[in-house]
Each structure stands twice: as C-alpha cells, then as structure tokens.
Amino acid sequence: FVASTSKQFTALAVLLLESEGKLGLEDDVRRYVPELPDFGRKITVRELLNHTSGLREQWNLFAMAGWRTSDDETVSDLLWLLHRQEALNHAPGAEFSYNNTGYSLLALIVQRVSGTPFRGFLGERIFTPLGMSDSDVKVDMGQVVAGLATGYWGHDPASLREARPPYSFAGPTGVVTTVRDLALWDANFYAPRVGTSALLGSMSTPERLNDGTAIGYGMGLFIGSHEGHRMISHAGSDPGYRADLVRFPDDRLSVAVLCNAFDIAPTPLALEVADLYLGSEVDRKS
C-alpha cells in the first residue's frame, strides 16, 4: 500500500483521458463534479493536479467534522463536506498547498468521464499493459487485496498494533503494488508503453502559479534535486504504511522503499541507497 505515491497513477489516468480529447486540463472541475459549490472562481482540472486549487484539505475536514481515525470515509462523505464549504483557502492558482482533496476529485472525474470504475481504469489502462500483475487499487476499507502486507503502528514486535487506512475511495492514495511492479512503472518513463514521452514528461515539468512562479511539483510528482542530481519523487504515508519512489532520470537510477510500519521514514532510506550508487558531493570532489 503506497499511500500518496499513488498520486502519479491518478495523474497519468487524467492525462490519458486528456490526450484522447475526453477532458481538458483547463476545464472547470464543476463540469464533472457539479456537487462542488460555486466559489465564484473557476477551479481547473490542472489546479487539482498541481495542488493549487485552494480547496480545503479533506483529512482536516473529516477531523473537524468529527470523524475518528478508525471511521470509514467515503466519496459521498467527502462530497457532503465539500458542499458545505463557503470559501477557498486561496484563489485558484495563487498558491501551492499540498491537497489530497483534489486527487479524490480527480479519481471521481476519471470514473465519470471514462464510465469505468477508477480501480478498473487503472487496471485496464495502466497495470495490465505494463505487466504490473501484482498491483491493484484498494477502494473500500473492507476490500481484501491478495498479498497485501498487514500495516502496523510501530515496528517493535513487543508493541505492534495493526493499522489500516480508513478510506473507501482512492485517488490521493489506494494503490497496492510491489517493488517489481514499480520497476515496470518506472521503466515506462524511459520507454513509454502507456502514454507518450511528451505526456509523461509533462508530469515532471514544474507547474507555475498565476504570477508565473515555478513550483517544485508537476502533475503527481515532486521535482527537486539531491546532491546535485535531478530528482523526481513522491512519498506516501497512511496508517500502517509508508512509501517512496525516487527517480534520478539523468542517472537512470530509481529507488523504491515500501514499509508496512508507520514509524519508518522511507525517504532517508531511499536516499541512502541512492548515495551508494551516485556517490556524495564530497566523493565526487575528491
């Protein structure tokens, strides 16, 4: 269970539909999700993808509305919460603010535009063509996924407690996969079998705010650097699970770390492995 590392799969699903002319990135989100209030400002599909929509963070809304971390949360619940919002946190496109709400809406848009359940769309259009035979999407809290590792709070055997994400929807999270399958996904960015080089490249191209300021995020992927090497990545964190997939495209190196204990930090582990291959700045100067 890779938590928010799932966002890149959701982004590709949207971009596939956009490439087929079935939706536009500059379309008003309310065209596909009329349940969303009219905030007096157009929110675009692109702004959902790059976290600049201004929508309020769904996990905060669930918490403030009284949901406990063990309560099931559904798409209907989320739409109910969003319908009650009277304002945005900021004007669309004015600021970058990491936002899971947008990716929940994107999964709903994929489903409504394609006429295929989100889980089925990812399976048919991404997992199967790439040979990702051990990948799935968990879209229901009680759904049984073959081979899914149990998630835990803590990792000391003497104090382990089972944990599981309390969501019955996907988009910002939900993908269940393996290191092998992530290698197949990663290879698609170098030799595309799903999507085109231009489409996949757009995911790792920095997006811009209304004033032209570049942000360190494309569509479903963070864009940065490590020890002087260009780095494309996305980590994930949900109850019982932590993950990160780090790609160094200029070095043709990627590292995936999947954890089924919530208190393990995957990113430092991924970078430690990367450093074994890339060498540190000090090593390169010596």
Protein backbone atom coordinates (compact mmCIF):
# COMPACT_ATOMS: atom_id res chain seq x y z
CA PHE A 1 0.00 0.00 0.00
CA VAL A 2 1.90 3.05 -1.26
CA ALA A 3 -0.36 5.83 0.07
CA SER A 4 0.30 9.18 -1.66
CA THR A 5 2.83 7.63 -4.02
CA SER A 6 -0.44 6.68 -5.76
CA LYS A 7 -0.95 10.25 -6.99
CA GLN A 8 1.25 9.77 -10.05
CA PHE A 9 -1.01 6.93 -11.23
CA THR A 10 -4.07 9.14 -10.83
CA ALA A 11 -2.35 11.93 -12.73
CA LEU A 12 -1.50 9.62 -15.62
CA ALA A 13 -5.11 8.40 -15.76
CA VAL A 14 -6.30 12.01 -16.14
CA LEU A 15 -3.65 12.78 -18.76
CA LEU A 16 -4.60 9.71 -20.79
CA LEU A 17 -8.19 10.95 -20.94
CA GLU A 18 -6.96 14.44 -21.83
CA SER A 19 -4.83 13.04 -24.67
CA GLU A 20 -7.95 11.33 -26.04
CA GLY A 21 -9.90 14.59 -26.01
CA LYS A 22 -12.30 13.40 -23.34
CA LEU A 23 -11.48 16.22 -20.92
CA GLY A 24 -9.36 19.35 -20.82
CA LEU A 25 -6.88 20.41 -18.18
CA GLU A 26 -8.32 23.92 -18.22
CA ASP A 27 -11.90 22.66 -17.82
CA ASP A 28 -13.90 23.81 -14.83
CA VAL A 29 -13.98 21.00 -12.29
CA ARG A 30 -17.70 21.64 -11.73
CA ARG A 31 -18.32 20.41 -15.27
CA TYR A 32 -17.57 16.93 -13.95
CA VAL A 33 -18.34 17.36 -10.25
CA PRO A 34 -21.41 19.64 -10.08
CA GLU A 35 -21.74 18.79 -6.38
CA LEU A 36 -18.82 21.15 -5.74
CA PRO A 37 -20.01 24.61 -4.66
CA ASP A 38 -19.57 27.62 -6.92
CA PHE A 39 -16.88 29.58 -5.09
CA GLY A 40 -17.06 32.45 -7.56
CA ARG A 41 -13.76 31.41 -9.13
CA LYS A 42 -13.18 28.68 -11.69
CA ILE A 43 -11.12 25.73 -10.43
CA THR A 44 -9.47 23.79 -13.25
CA VAL A 45 -8.51 20.15 -13.58
CA ARG A 46 -4.90 21.31 -13.86
CA GLU A 47 -5.17 23.07 -10.50
CA LEU A 48 -6.32 19.83 -8.89
CA LEU A 49 -3.32 18.06 -10.42
CA ASN A 50 -0.76 20.60 -9.20
CA HIS A 51 -2.24 21.34 -5.76
CA THR A 52 -3.11 24.97 -6.44
CA SER A 53 -6.92 24.70 -6.32
CA GLY A 54 -7.42 26.40 -2.94
CA LEU A 55 -9.76 23.62 -1.82
CA ARG A 56 -9.56 22.72 1.85
CA GLU A 57 -7.66 19.59 2.84
CA GLN A 58 -10.04 16.63 3.16
CA TRP A 59 -8.36 14.98 6.14
CA ASN A 60 -8.71 18.22 8.10
CA LEU A 61 -12.36 18.47 7.10
CA PHE A 62 -13.06 14.90 8.20
CA ALA A 63 -11.35 15.52 11.54
CA MET A 64 -13.17 18.79 12.20
CA ALA A 65 -16.50 17.17 11.28
CA GLY A 66 -15.98 14.53 13.97
CA TRP A 67 -14.70 11.52 12.05
CA ARG A 68 -12.34 9.34 14.08
CA THR A 69 -9.24 7.80 12.52
CA SER A 70 -10.97 4.41 12.61
CA ASP A 71 -14.19 5.59 10.91
CA ASP A 72 -14.84 4.70 7.29
CA GLU A 73 -14.69 7.70 4.94
CA THR A 74 -16.47 7.57 1.58
CA VAL A 75 -16.71 9.69 -1.56
CA SER A 76 -20.26 10.61 -0.58
CA ASP A 77 -19.00 11.82 2.79
CA LEU A 78 -16.33 13.92 1.11
CA LEU A 79 -18.77 15.49 -1.34
CA TRP A 80 -21.09 16.30 1.58
CA LEU A 81 -18.24 18.04 3.39
CA LEU A 82 -17.17 19.97 0.30
CA HIS A 83 -20.75 21.04 -0.44
CA ARG A 84 -20.84 22.74 2.97
CA GLN A 85 -17.70 24.82 2.34
CA GLU A 86 -18.35 28.51 1.78
CA ALA A 87 -14.88 29.61 0.69
CA LEU A 88 -11.48 28.50 -0.54
CA ASN A 89 -8.19 28.75 1.31
CA HIS A 90 -6.80 30.90 -1.50
CA ALA A 91 -7.65 31.91 -5.06
CA PRO A 92 -7.15 29.06 -7.53
CA GLY A 93 -3.68 29.14 -8.99
CA ALA A 94 -2.36 31.66 -6.47
CA GLU A 95 -0.53 29.28 -4.12
CA PHE A 96 0.80 25.75 -3.93
CA SER A 97 -0.70 23.87 -0.99
CA TYR A 98 -0.44 20.08 -0.99
CA ASN A 99 -4.00 18.87 -1.13
CA ASN A 100 -5.49 15.36 -1.07
CA THR A 101 -8.99 16.68 -1.80
CA GLY A 102 -8.04 17.47 -5.37
CA TYR A 103 -6.85 13.95 -6.08
CA SER A 104 -10.02 12.43 -4.65
CA LEU A 105 -11.96 14.59 -7.10
CA LEU A 106 -9.63 13.60 -9.94
CA ALA A 107 -10.35 9.91 -9.36
CA LEU A 108 -14.07 10.71 -9.43
CA ILE A 109 -13.58 12.63 -12.68
CA VAL A 110 -11.72 9.68 -14.24
CA GLN A 111 -14.59 7.42 -13.29
CA ARG A 112 -17.31 9.72 -14.58
CA VAL A 113 -15.57 10.64 -17.84
CA SER A 114 -14.44 7.11 -18.72
CA GLY A 115 -17.57 5.35 -17.49
CA THR A 116 -15.27 2.85 -15.77
CA PRO A 117 -14.70 2.49 -12.01
CA PHE A 118 -11.40 4.08 -11.03
CA ARG A 119 -9.95 0.76 -9.91
CA GLY A 120 -10.87 -0.82 -13.22
CA PHE A 121 -9.48 2.08 -15.23
CA LEU A 122 -6.05 1.84 -13.61
CA GLY A 123 -6.10 -1.92 -14.05
CA GLU A 124 -7.12 -1.88 -17.70
CA ARG A 125 -5.21 1.18 -18.89
CA ILE A 126 -2.04 1.13 -16.77
CA PHE A 127 -1.37 -2.01 -14.73
CA THR A 128 -2.20 -4.65 -17.35
CA PRO A 129 -0.40 -3.01 -20.31
CA LEU A 130 2.72 -2.54 -18.18
CA GLY A 131 2.65 -6.09 -16.86
CA MET A 132 2.05 -4.92 -13.28
CA SER A 133 0.32 -8.17 -12.36
CA ASP A 134 0.67 -7.69 -8.60
CA SER A 135 -0.86 -4.21 -8.49
CA ASP A 136 -4.39 -3.20 -7.54
CA VAL A 137 -6.33 -0.31 -6.06
CA LYS A 138 -7.93 -0.55 -2.66
CA VAL A 139 -11.17 1.43 -2.96
CA ASP A 140 -13.06 0.04 0.02
CA MET A 141 -11.97 -0.12 3.64
CA GLY A 142 -13.07 -3.74 3.90
CA GLN A 143 -11.74 -4.83 0.49
CA VAL A 144 -9.47 -7.86 0.54
CA VAL A 145 -6.41 -7.40 -1.67
CA ALA A 146 -4.40 -10.55 -2.37
CA GLY A 147 -0.91 -10.40 -0.93
CA LEU A 148 -1.36 -7.08 0.88
CA ALA A 149 1.03 -6.86 3.84
CA THR A 150 -0.58 -6.01 7.17
CA GLY A 151 0.12 -2.44 8.23
CA TYR A 152 1.25 -1.62 11.77
CA TRP A 153 1.64 1.21 14.21
CA GLY A 154 5.22 0.91 15.42
CA HIS A 155 7.61 -1.86 14.49
CA ASP A 156 8.81 -3.19 17.84
CA PRO A 157 7.43 -6.77 17.97
CA ALA A 158 6.58 -6.28 21.63
CA SER A 159 4.25 -3.36 20.96
CA LEU A 160 2.87 -3.87 17.45
CA ARG A 161 -0.69 -2.76 16.76
CA GLU A 162 -2.47 -3.33 13.48
CA ALA A 163 -3.35 -0.24 11.47
CA ARG A 164 -5.28 0.20 8.27
CA PRO A 165 -6.27 3.23 6.19
CA PRO A 166 -9.92 4.11 6.91
CA TYR A 167 -10.85 5.21 3.39
CA SER A 168 -13.36 3.79 0.96
CA PHE A 169 -12.11 5.77 -2.02
CA ALA A 170 -8.86 6.23 -3.89
CA GLY A 171 -7.03 8.81 -5.98
CA PRO A 172 -4.78 10.53 -3.48
CA THR A 173 -3.93 7.07 -2.13
CA GLY A 174 -5.06 3.48 -2.61
CA VAL A 175 -2.57 1.81 -4.96
CA VAL A 176 -1.27 -1.55 -3.75
CA THR A 177 1.86 -2.69 -5.56
CA THR A 178 5.30 -4.26 -5.27
CA VAL A 179 8.89 -3.19 -5.88
CA ARG A 180 8.96 -5.31 -9.03
CA ASP A 181 5.83 -3.66 -10.40
CA LEU A 182 7.14 -0.20 -9.52
CA ALA A 183 10.23 -1.03 -11.59
CA LEU A 184 7.92 -1.69 -14.55
CA TRP A 185 6.09 1.59 -13.88
CA ASP A 186 9.40 3.42 -13.65
CA ALA A 187 10.66 1.92 -16.92
CA ASN A 188 7.62 3.40 -18.69
CA PHE A 189 9.05 6.89 -18.19
CA TYR A 190 12.11 5.94 -20.26
CA ALA A 191 10.46 3.76 -22.91
CA PRO A 192 6.73 4.56 -22.89
CA ARG A 193 4.25 1.79 -23.42
CA VAL A 194 1.40 3.68 -21.74
CA GLY A 195 1.22 7.33 -22.73
CA THR A 196 3.80 9.21 -24.79
CA SER A 197 7.16 10.73 -23.92
CA ALA A 198 5.60 14.19 -24.08
CA LEU A 199 2.69 13.20 -21.85
CA LEU A 200 4.93 11.54 -19.27
CA GLY A 201 7.38 14.41 -19.44
CA SER A 202 4.62 16.85 -18.56
CA MET A 203 4.18 15.06 -15.24
CA SER A 204 7.73 16.00 -14.20
CA THR A 205 7.74 19.53 -15.64
CA PRO A 206 7.38 22.24 -12.97
CA GLU A 207 3.95 23.83 -12.96
CA ARG A 208 3.50 27.59 -12.48
CA LEU A 209 1.30 29.82 -10.37
CA ASN A 210 -0.84 32.56 -11.87
CA ASP A 211 2.02 35.04 -11.47
CA GLY A 212 4.43 32.79 -13.37
CA THR A 213 6.31 31.49 -10.33
CA ALA A 214 7.51 27.91 -10.88
CA ILE A 215 6.65 25.37 -8.20
CA GLY A 216 8.52 22.19 -7.31
CA TYR A 217 5.66 19.99 -8.47
CA GLY A 218 4.48 18.79 -11.85
CA MET A 219 1.38 16.63 -12.06
CA GLY A 220 1.55 13.87 -9.45
CA LEU A 221 5.30 14.23 -8.91
CA PHE A 222 7.66 16.40 -6.87
CA ILE A 223 10.60 17.90 -8.74
CA GLY A 224 13.84 18.64 -6.94
CA SER A 225 17.44 17.57 -6.58
CA HIS A 226 19.72 15.58 -4.31
CA GLU A 227 23.48 16.05 -4.13
CA GLY A 228 23.39 17.88 -7.44
CA HIS A 229 21.33 15.21 -9.20
CA ARG A 230 17.89 15.99 -10.65
CA MET A 231 15.32 14.03 -8.63
CA ILE A 232 11.69 13.19 -9.37
CA SER A 233 9.83 11.61 -6.48
CA HIS A 234 6.71 11.12 -4.43
CA ALA A 235 6.48 9.72 -0.94
CA GLY A 236 3.39 8.34 0.77
CA SER A 237 2.14 7.99 4.33
CA ASP A 238 -1.07 6.37 5.54
CA PRO A 239 -1.97 4.50 8.75
CA GLY A 240 0.20 1.37 8.74
CA TYR A 241 2.12 2.18 5.58
CA ARG A 242 4.93 4.43 4.31
CA ALA A 243 6.49 4.50 0.85
CA ASP A 244 8.68 6.47 -1.50
CA LEU A 245 9.69 6.15 -5.14
CA VAL A 246 12.68 8.29 -6.03
CA ARG A 247 13.88 8.65 -9.63
CA PHE A 248 17.14 10.22 -10.83
CA PRO A 249 16.32 10.40 -14.55
CA ASP A 250 19.68 11.73 -15.72
CA ASP A 251 21.42 8.86 -13.92
CA ARG A 252 18.88 6.20 -14.90
CA LEU A 253 18.58 5.28 -11.24
CA SER A 254 15.41 4.76 -9.21
CA VAL A 255 14.89 3.54 -5.66
CA ALA A 256 11.60 2.25 -4.21
CA VAL A 257 11.08 1.77 -0.48
CA LEU A 258 7.87 0.16 0.80
CA CYS A 259 7.22 -0.05 4.55
CA ASN A 260 4.34 -1.61 6.46
CA ALA A 261 5.09 0.15 9.73
CA PHE A 262 4.03 3.76 10.15
CA ASP A 263 7.06 4.95 12.13
CA ILE A 264 9.61 4.03 9.47
CA ALA A 265 10.75 7.00 7.34
CA PRO A 266 11.23 5.75 3.77
CA THR A 267 12.80 8.82 2.15
CA PRO A 268 16.09 8.81 4.12
CA LEU A 269 16.40 5.09 3.41
CA ALA A 270 15.83 5.66 -0.31
CA LEU A 271 18.44 8.42 -0.43
CA GLU A 272 20.96 6.30 1.48
CA VAL A 273 20.60 3.61 -1.16
CA ALA A 274 20.84 6.19 -3.95
CA ASP A 275 24.04 7.59 -2.46
CA LEU A 276 25.67 4.17 -2.72
CA TYR A 277 25.33 4.47 -6.49
CA LEU A 278 25.57 8.21 -7.04
CA GLY A 279 28.27 8.99 -4.51
CA SER A 280 28.17 12.07 -2.31
CA GLU A 281 29.25 15.57 -3.33
CA VAL A 282 32.41 15.09 -1.23
CA ASP A 283 33.21 11.82 -3.03
CA ARG A 284 32.89 13.46 -6.43
CA LYS A 285 35.24 16.30 -5.49
CA SER A 286 37.93 14.04 -4.02
